[in-house]
Structures are given as structure tokens and as C-alpha cells.
Amino acid sequence: MRSRPMLLVTGLLLIAGAAYAPVAIARQTTLAHPGRDGYSSDERDFTVGRTVYLRWARTKVGRIVAADEHHEFPASFRTRRGRAVLLRHVDGPSDWLPVEGLSRVYVVR
């Protein structure tokens, strides 16, 4: 009979932990507002002059040197025209990247 209160307390702690787990995971996976750590994942912030970093490692990828509101993409892309940025990579080459979905991989500062 002495173990019954211990089991109840353990069960309550497990329930509390399960209820808090999604909150803890969300805090770790979402990026903070640009005011806190300086990084932004908002697609509207991908503008000329911003430095681009990998989202998960914060490694510098390059700098946005141009933007085009109606850039034409190859047929292999989901949409033929869309907003794009010209990214000059740290190692030299440049390429056009569609802004739609860019924040899943990169952040800007």
C-alpha cells in the first residue's frame, strides 16, 4: 500500500511532462524574433544587402546582392515565375533562389 502514493505522484509527473513537452520542443525549433538573437526567418526580410545563414548551424552562406519580383525559373520548379533573390555565396558563385520556402533552410541577419 505504501507504493500506491508513489505511483500516483509518478503518474502525475509523467502527465505534466507530457503536457509540457510540446512547449519545450517548440521553443527549441522555432527561431526567436529578430530582436532577440538578430536572425530572421520571415520571407519579407530576405532583401538586398542581408547576410544569409544556414538555419540550423548559423553558418554564413553568403549575401543577397539583388532581388527580382518576377524572376523566371526553369520548368523543373513548382512555379515558373516568382520572387527571387540573387545570393552570392561565400565561396564565390552566385545563384537565384526562390524566396518562397527559403526560410525553411536559411535565415537572414
N, C-alpha and C. Protein backbone atom coordinates (compact mmCIF):
# COMPACT_ATOMS: atom_id res chain seq x y z
N MET A 1 0.80 -1.21 0.00
CA MET A 1 0.00 0.00 0.00
C MET A 1 0.84 1.27 0.00
N ARG A 2 2.04 1.18 0.50
CA ARG A 2 2.89 2.38 0.55
C ARG A 2 3.30 2.83 -0.85
N SER A 3 3.36 1.90 -1.77
CA SER A 3 3.79 2.26 -3.12
C SER A 3 2.70 2.96 -3.91
N ARG A 4 1.46 2.87 -3.50
CA ARG A 4 0.36 3.49 -4.24
C ARG A 4 0.51 5.02 -4.34
N PRO A 5 0.81 5.77 -3.25
CA PRO A 5 1.02 7.22 -3.41
C PRO A 5 2.21 7.54 -4.32
N MET A 6 3.24 6.69 -4.25
CA MET A 6 4.41 6.90 -5.11
C MET A 6 4.02 6.74 -6.58
N LEU A 7 3.19 5.75 -6.88
CA LEU A 7 2.72 5.55 -8.24
C LEU A 7 1.86 6.72 -8.71
N LEU A 8 1.03 7.24 -7.84
CA LEU A 8 0.19 8.39 -8.21
C LEU A 8 1.04 9.62 -8.51
N VAL A 9 2.03 9.87 -7.67
CA VAL A 9 2.91 11.02 -7.90
C VAL A 9 3.70 10.84 -9.19
N THR A 10 4.20 9.64 -9.43
CA THR A 10 4.93 9.36 -10.66
C THR A 10 4.04 9.56 -11.88
N GLY A 11 2.81 9.09 -11.79
CA GLY A 11 1.87 9.26 -12.89
C GLY A 11 1.56 10.72 -13.16
N LEU A 12 1.38 11.49 -12.10
CA LEU A 12 1.14 12.93 -12.27
C LEU A 12 2.32 13.64 -12.89
N LEU A 13 3.53 13.26 -12.49
CA LEU A 13 4.73 13.85 -13.08
C LEU A 13 4.86 13.50 -14.55
N LEU A 14 4.53 12.28 -14.91
CA LEU A 14 4.56 11.89 -16.32
C LEU A 14 3.55 12.66 -17.15
N ILE A 15 2.37 12.86 -16.61
CA ILE A 15 1.34 13.63 -17.32
C ILE A 15 1.79 15.08 -17.49
N ALA A 16 2.36 15.66 -16.43
CA ALA A 16 2.84 17.05 -16.52
C ALA A 16 3.97 17.16 -17.54
N GLY A 17 4.87 16.18 -17.54
CA GLY A 17 5.96 16.20 -18.52
C GLY A 17 5.46 16.07 -19.94
N ALA A 18 4.47 15.21 -20.15
CA ALA A 18 3.90 15.04 -21.49
C ALA A 18 3.17 16.31 -21.94
N ALA A 19 2.56 17.02 -21.02
CA ALA A 19 1.85 18.25 -21.38
C ALA A 19 2.83 19.37 -21.71
N TYR A 20 4.00 19.38 -21.05
CA TYR A 20 4.97 20.45 -21.27
C TYR A 20 5.90 20.15 -22.45
N ALA A 21 6.03 18.91 -22.86
CA ALA A 21 6.97 18.54 -23.92
C ALA A 21 6.75 19.31 -25.22
N PRO A 22 5.53 19.47 -25.75
CA PRO A 22 5.36 20.24 -26.99
C PRO A 22 5.82 21.69 -26.86
N VAL A 23 5.64 22.27 -25.69
CA VAL A 23 6.07 23.65 -25.47
C VAL A 23 7.59 23.73 -25.52
N ALA A 24 8.27 22.79 -24.87
CA ALA A 24 9.72 22.78 -24.86
C ALA A 24 10.28 22.54 -26.25
N ILE A 25 9.68 21.64 -27.01
CA ILE A 25 10.13 21.37 -28.37
C ILE A 25 9.91 22.59 -29.26
N ALA A 26 8.79 23.26 -29.12
CA ALA A 26 8.52 24.45 -29.93
C ALA A 26 9.51 25.56 -29.63
N ARG A 27 9.89 25.70 -28.39
CA ARG A 27 10.87 26.74 -28.04
C ARG A 27 12.22 26.46 -28.67
N GLN A 28 12.58 25.21 -28.81
CA GLN A 28 13.88 24.86 -29.38
C GLN A 28 13.89 24.95 -30.89
N THR A 29 12.78 24.60 -31.55
CA THR A 29 12.77 24.52 -33.01
C THR A 29 12.42 25.83 -33.70
N THR A 30 11.67 26.70 -33.07
CA THR A 30 11.30 27.95 -33.72
C THR A 30 12.38 28.99 -33.49
N LEU A 31 12.55 29.84 -34.47
CA LEU A 31 13.52 30.90 -34.33
C LEU A 31 12.95 32.04 -33.52
N ALA A 32 13.78 32.65 -32.77
CA ALA A 32 13.34 33.79 -31.98
C ALA A 32 13.08 34.99 -32.89
N HIS A 33 12.34 35.92 -32.39
CA HIS A 33 12.08 37.15 -33.14
C HIS A 33 13.41 37.84 -33.43
N PRO A 34 13.54 38.54 -34.57
CA PRO A 34 14.81 39.16 -34.93
C PRO A 34 15.39 40.05 -33.83
N GLY A 35 14.57 40.57 -32.96
CA GLY A 35 15.08 41.45 -31.91
C GLY A 35 15.89 40.72 -30.86
N ARG A 36 15.64 39.42 -30.68
CA ARG A 36 16.33 38.67 -29.63
C ARG A 36 17.73 38.23 -30.02
N ASP A 37 17.84 37.48 -31.11
CA ASP A 37 19.15 36.97 -31.49
C ASP A 37 19.67 37.55 -32.80
N GLY A 38 18.89 38.41 -33.43
CA GLY A 38 19.34 39.08 -34.64
C GLY A 38 19.02 38.34 -35.92
N TYR A 39 18.57 37.10 -35.86
CA TYR A 39 18.25 36.33 -37.06
C TYR A 39 16.76 36.40 -37.34
N SER A 40 16.41 36.36 -38.63
CA SER A 40 15.01 36.40 -39.01
C SER A 40 14.73 35.32 -40.04
N SER A 41 13.60 34.64 -39.89
CA SER A 41 13.18 33.65 -40.87
C SER A 41 11.98 34.15 -41.68
N ASP A 42 11.63 35.42 -41.50
CA ASP A 42 10.50 36.00 -42.23
C ASP A 42 10.90 36.22 -43.68
N GLU A 43 10.12 35.69 -44.61
CA GLU A 43 10.45 35.81 -46.03
C GLU A 43 10.52 37.26 -46.50
N ARG A 44 9.81 38.16 -45.81
CA ARG A 44 9.86 39.58 -46.18
C ARG A 44 11.22 40.20 -45.86
N ASP A 45 12.00 39.58 -44.98
CA ASP A 45 13.31 40.10 -44.61
C ASP A 45 14.43 39.67 -45.55
N PHE A 46 14.14 38.82 -46.51
CA PHE A 46 15.14 38.42 -47.48
C PHE A 46 15.26 39.51 -48.55
N THR A 47 16.02 40.55 -48.23
CA THR A 47 16.16 41.72 -49.09
C THR A 47 17.63 41.96 -49.41
N VAL A 48 17.87 42.83 -50.37
CA VAL A 48 19.23 43.15 -50.81
C VAL A 48 20.06 43.68 -49.64
N GLY A 49 21.28 43.17 -49.53
CA GLY A 49 22.20 43.61 -48.50
C GLY A 49 22.21 42.74 -47.26
N ARG A 50 21.25 41.85 -47.11
CA ARG A 50 21.20 40.99 -45.93
C ARG A 50 22.17 39.83 -46.09
N THR A 51 22.74 39.39 -44.97
CA THR A 51 23.61 38.22 -44.95
C THR A 51 22.76 36.99 -44.63
N VAL A 52 23.01 35.91 -45.36
CA VAL A 52 22.22 34.69 -45.24
C VAL A 52 23.02 33.63 -44.49
N TYR A 53 22.35 32.96 -43.55
CA TYR A 53 22.97 31.91 -42.73
C TYR A 53 22.13 30.64 -42.82
N LEU A 54 22.78 29.48 -42.62
CA LEU A 54 22.02 28.24 -42.51
C LEU A 54 21.18 28.30 -41.26
N ARG A 55 19.97 27.83 -41.34
CA ARG A 55 19.03 27.94 -40.23
C ARG A 55 19.48 27.15 -39.01
N TRP A 56 19.96 25.93 -39.19
CA TRP A 56 20.25 25.07 -38.04
C TRP A 56 21.65 25.25 -37.48
N ALA A 57 22.63 25.68 -38.28
CA ALA A 57 24.01 25.78 -37.80
C ALA A 57 24.50 27.22 -37.68
N ARG A 58 23.74 28.18 -38.22
CA ARG A 58 24.12 29.59 -38.23
C ARG A 58 25.46 29.82 -38.95
N THR A 59 25.74 28.97 -39.93
CA THR A 59 26.93 29.13 -40.75
C THR A 59 26.64 30.12 -41.85
N LYS A 60 27.55 31.06 -42.07
CA LYS A 60 27.34 32.08 -43.10
C LYS A 60 27.39 31.44 -44.47
N VAL A 61 26.35 31.70 -45.26
CA VAL A 61 26.24 31.14 -46.60
C VAL A 61 26.64 32.17 -47.64
N GLY A 62 26.20 33.42 -47.47
CA GLY A 62 26.52 34.46 -48.43
C GLY A 62 25.72 35.70 -48.18
N ARG A 63 25.66 36.57 -49.23
CA ARG A 63 24.97 37.84 -49.12
C ARG A 63 24.03 38.01 -50.30
N ILE A 64 22.86 38.59 -50.04
CA ILE A 64 21.89 38.86 -51.10
C ILE A 64 22.33 40.12 -51.84
N VAL A 65 22.56 39.99 -53.15
CA VAL A 65 23.05 41.13 -53.92
C VAL A 65 22.00 41.72 -54.85
N ALA A 66 20.92 40.98 -55.11
CA ALA A 66 19.86 41.50 -55.97
C ALA A 66 18.55 40.77 -55.65
N ALA A 67 17.46 41.41 -56.01
CA ALA A 67 16.14 40.81 -55.82
C ALA A 67 15.32 41.05 -57.08
N ASP A 68 14.47 40.11 -57.43
CA ASP A 68 13.62 40.22 -58.61
C ASP A 68 12.23 39.74 -58.21
N GLU A 69 11.24 40.59 -58.39
CA GLU A 69 9.87 40.25 -58.01
C GLU A 69 9.22 39.25 -58.96
N HIS A 70 9.67 39.20 -60.21
CA HIS A 70 9.06 38.32 -61.21
C HIS A 70 10.13 37.54 -61.95
N HIS A 71 10.97 36.82 -61.21
CA HIS A 71 12.05 36.05 -61.81
C HIS A 71 11.50 34.78 -62.47
N GLU A 72 12.04 34.43 -63.63
CA GLU A 72 11.60 33.23 -64.33
C GLU A 72 12.49 32.05 -63.95
N PHE A 73 11.86 30.96 -63.53
CA PHE A 73 12.57 29.76 -63.11
C PHE A 73 12.45 28.67 -64.17
N PRO A 74 13.33 27.67 -64.12
CA PRO A 74 13.24 26.55 -65.08
C PRO A 74 11.93 25.77 -64.90
N ALA A 75 11.62 24.94 -65.87
CA ALA A 75 10.37 24.16 -65.83
C ALA A 75 10.35 23.17 -64.67
N SER A 76 11.50 22.82 -64.13
CA SER A 76 11.55 21.85 -63.03
C SER A 76 11.05 22.43 -61.71
N PHE A 77 10.93 23.76 -61.62
CA PHE A 77 10.43 24.38 -60.40
C PHE A 77 8.91 24.30 -60.35
N ARG A 78 8.36 24.42 -59.14
CA ARG A 78 6.92 24.32 -58.96
C ARG A 78 6.18 25.45 -59.67
N THR A 79 6.72 26.67 -59.62
CA THR A 79 6.12 27.81 -60.32
C THR A 79 7.14 28.36 -61.31
N ARG A 80 6.65 28.84 -62.44
CA ARG A 80 7.55 29.36 -63.48
C ARG A 80 8.07 30.74 -63.14
N ARG A 81 7.26 31.57 -62.47
CA ARG A 81 7.68 32.93 -62.11
C ARG A 81 7.40 33.16 -60.64
N GLY A 82 8.26 33.97 -60.02
CA GLY A 82 8.06 34.28 -58.62
C GLY A 82 9.15 35.19 -58.10
N ARG A 83 9.02 35.57 -56.86
CA ARG A 83 10.01 36.44 -56.21
C ARG A 83 11.27 35.63 -55.94
N ALA A 84 12.42 36.21 -56.28
CA ALA A 84 13.70 35.51 -56.10
C ALA A 84 14.76 36.49 -55.65
N VAL A 85 15.81 35.94 -55.05
CA VAL A 85 16.97 36.74 -54.64
C VAL A 85 18.22 36.12 -55.25
N LEU A 86 19.16 36.98 -55.60
CA LEU A 86 20.46 36.53 -56.11
C LEU A 86 21.40 36.44 -54.92
N LEU A 87 21.85 35.25 -54.61
CA LEU A 87 22.71 35.00 -53.46
C LEU A 87 24.13 34.77 -53.92
N ARG A 88 25.05 35.65 -53.45
CA ARG A 88 26.48 35.45 -53.73
C ARG A 88 27.05 34.66 -52.56
N HIS A 89 27.44 33.42 -52.84
CA HIS A 89 27.94 32.53 -51.80
C HIS A 89 29.32 32.97 -51.31
N VAL A 90 29.66 32.57 -50.11
CA VAL A 90 30.94 32.91 -49.50
C VAL A 90 32.09 32.37 -50.35
N ASP A 91 31.90 31.19 -50.95
CA ASP A 91 32.96 30.58 -51.76
C ASP A 91 32.99 31.08 -53.20
N GLY A 92 32.17 32.07 -53.55
CA GLY A 92 32.30 32.72 -54.84
C GLY A 92 31.10 32.70 -55.77
N PRO A 93 30.51 31.53 -56.11
CA PRO A 93 29.44 31.54 -57.12
C PRO A 93 28.16 32.21 -56.63
N SER A 94 27.34 32.59 -57.59
CA SER A 94 26.05 33.21 -57.29
C SER A 94 24.94 32.38 -57.92
N ASP A 95 23.77 32.39 -57.29
CA ASP A 95 22.63 31.74 -57.90
C ASP A 95 21.34 32.37 -57.41
N TRP A 96 20.30 32.25 -58.26
CA TRP A 96 18.99 32.78 -57.92
C TRP A 96 18.23 31.74 -57.11
N LEU A 97 17.65 32.16 -56.01
CA LEU A 97 16.87 31.28 -55.15
C LEU A 97 15.46 31.83 -55.01
N PRO A 98 14.44 30.97 -55.14
CA PRO A 98 13.08 31.45 -54.91
C PRO A 98 12.88 31.78 -53.44
N VAL A 99 12.22 32.88 -53.15
CA VAL A 99 12.01 33.30 -51.77
C VAL A 99 10.98 32.41 -51.08
N GLU A 100 10.02 31.91 -51.85
CA GLU A 100 9.01 31.04 -51.27
C GLU A 100 9.67 29.77 -50.72
N GLY A 101 9.54 29.55 -49.43
CA GLY A 101 10.12 28.37 -48.81
C GLY A 101 11.58 28.51 -48.42
N LEU A 102 12.18 29.64 -48.71
CA LEU A 102 13.60 29.85 -48.41
C LEU A 102 13.88 29.80 -46.92
N SER A 103 12.92 30.23 -46.12
CA SER A 103 13.13 30.30 -44.68
C SER A 103 13.16 28.93 -44.02
N ARG A 104 12.83 27.86 -44.75
CA ARG A 104 12.94 26.53 -44.18
C ARG A 104 14.40 26.11 -44.07
N VAL A 105 15.28 26.70 -44.88
CA VAL A 105 16.69 26.33 -44.89
C VAL A 105 17.58 27.46 -44.37
N TYR A 106 17.21 28.72 -44.66
CA TYR A 106 18.08 29.84 -44.34
C TYR A 106 17.39 30.86 -43.42
N VAL A 107 18.21 31.66 -42.75
CA VAL A 107 17.76 32.85 -42.01
C VAL A 107 18.65 33.99 -42.44
N VAL A 108 18.20 35.22 -42.19
CA VAL A 108 18.99 36.41 -42.54
C VAL A 108 19.28 37.22 -41.29
N ARG A 109 20.30 38.03 -41.43
CA ARG A 109 20.68 38.94 -40.35
C ARG A 109 21.03 40.27 -40.95
